[in-house]
Amino acid sequence: MYNSEKKFIIVKQSGRLRKFKFPTSGHHFNFARGLGFDFYRDVVETGTIVDKQIKILECRDKSHMERRIHKSWLSEGYMKGRKLESMLLYKVKGLPDGD
């Protein structure tokens, strides 16, 4: 079966925006760090692409967000599932709570 879901990050580097896609099994923070980006300083937007539709998780740049306002945001159900996934991941690895 084909998985039509991917995650993405948009980073600001040298004043330009760069987009990166990665498998849904990865986490935004780890992927950004693996590419050498500071998640809290460099990452402008995080989200998921489901069936070729962009689902925005977080957008930190107001001017960027205004251009993307027509894109869909993640539903409450998806966010609850993400929270449960994160809680399970942290409990399994013995890490403190958080995402």
Protein backbone atom coordinates (compact mmCIF):
# COMPACT_ATOMS: atom_id res chain seq x y z
CA MET A 1 0.00 0.00 0.00
CA TYR A 2 1.29 3.46 -0.88
CA ASN A 3 1.64 5.98 1.96
CA SER A 4 0.55 9.37 0.63
CA GLU A 5 1.59 11.30 3.75
CA LYS A 6 4.85 13.20 4.24
CA LYS A 7 6.03 15.83 6.70
CA PHE A 8 7.79 19.06 5.81
CA ILE A 9 9.70 21.98 7.25
CA ILE A 10 10.36 25.40 5.77
CA VAL A 11 13.53 27.10 7.00
CA LYS A 12 14.90 30.58 6.52
CA GLN A 13 18.53 30.46 5.39
CA SER A 14 20.46 33.52 4.20
CA GLY A 15 17.20 35.46 3.85
CA ARG A 16 15.60 32.82 1.57
CA LEU A 17 13.04 30.13 2.35
CA ARG A 18 13.98 26.49 1.73
CA LYS A 19 11.52 23.59 1.84
CA PHE A 20 12.37 20.04 2.89
CA LYS A 21 10.11 16.95 2.82
CA PHE A 22 10.72 13.78 4.79
CA PRO A 23 8.91 10.54 5.74
CA THR A 24 6.04 10.76 8.19
CA SER A 25 7.93 8.49 10.60
CA GLY A 26 10.39 11.32 11.32
CA HIS A 27 9.91 14.25 13.69
CA HIS A 28 10.23 17.89 12.67
CA PHE A 29 12.74 18.76 15.40
CA ASN A 30 15.04 15.81 14.69
CA PHE A 31 14.92 16.33 10.92
CA ALA A 32 15.80 20.04 11.21
CA ARG A 33 18.65 19.28 13.62
CA GLY A 34 19.92 16.52 11.32
CA LEU A 35 20.22 19.07 8.49
CA GLY A 36 22.12 21.45 10.77
CA PHE A 37 19.27 23.91 11.39
CA ASP A 38 18.27 25.30 14.77
CA PHE A 39 14.62 24.30 15.09
CA TYR A 40 13.68 27.33 17.20
CA ARG A 41 15.63 29.93 15.22
CA ASP A 42 15.66 28.73 11.59
CA VAL A 43 12.39 26.80 11.10
CA VAL A 44 9.56 29.04 9.86
CA GLU A 45 6.85 26.43 9.29
CA THR A 46 6.15 22.77 10.00
CA GLY A 47 3.39 20.58 8.66
CA THR A 48 2.21 17.49 6.86
CA ILE A 49 1.23 16.78 3.27
CA VAL A 50 -1.73 14.38 3.12
CA ASP A 51 -2.99 13.28 -0.30
CA LYS A 52 -1.21 16.27 -1.90
CA GLN A 53 -2.91 18.73 0.47
CA ILE A 54 -0.79 20.85 2.81
CA LYS A 55 -1.75 20.69 6.49
CA ILE A 56 0.08 23.36 8.50
CA LEU A 57 1.09 22.41 12.02
CA GLU A 58 2.94 25.56 13.07
CA CYS A 59 3.92 28.83 11.38
CA ARG A 60 6.21 31.21 13.30
CA ASP A 61 6.63 34.06 10.80
CA LYS A 62 3.66 36.47 10.60
CA SER A 63 4.38 37.66 7.03
CA HIS A 64 4.79 34.05 5.85
CA MET A 65 1.58 33.01 7.62
CA GLU A 66 -0.44 35.75 5.88
CA ARG A 67 0.60 34.35 2.49
CA ARG A 68 -0.41 30.84 3.58
CA ILE A 69 -3.74 31.69 5.23
CA HIS A 70 -5.69 29.87 2.47
CA LYS A 71 -3.92 26.59 3.31
CA SER A 72 -5.65 24.23 5.70
CA TRP A 73 -4.61 23.84 9.31
CA LEU A 74 -4.55 20.52 11.08
CA SER A 75 -7.79 19.31 12.61
CA GLU A 76 -8.32 18.88 16.35
CA GLY A 77 -8.49 15.09 15.87
CA TYR A 78 -5.13 15.01 14.11
CA MET A 79 -3.59 17.12 16.89
CA LYS A 80 -4.94 14.76 19.56
CA GLY A 81 -3.43 11.82 17.68
CA ARG A 82 -0.09 13.64 17.43
CA LYS A 83 -0.17 14.38 21.17
CA LEU A 84 -0.80 10.70 21.97
CA GLU A 85 1.99 9.65 19.60
CA SER A 86 4.42 12.05 21.29
CA MET A 87 3.39 10.93 24.79
CA LEU A 88 3.92 7.29 23.84
CA LEU A 89 7.27 8.04 22.21
CA TYR A 90 8.55 9.91 25.27
CA LYS A 91 7.31 7.26 27.72
CA VAL A 92 8.86 4.41 25.68
CA LYS A 93 12.22 6.20 25.50
CA GLY A 94 11.98 7.39 29.13
CA LEU A 95 12.19 11.05 28.14
CA PRO A 96 10.38 13.93 29.88
CA ASP A 97 6.97 14.89 28.47
CA GLY A 98 6.87 17.29 25.53
CA ASP A 99 6.93 17.57 21.77
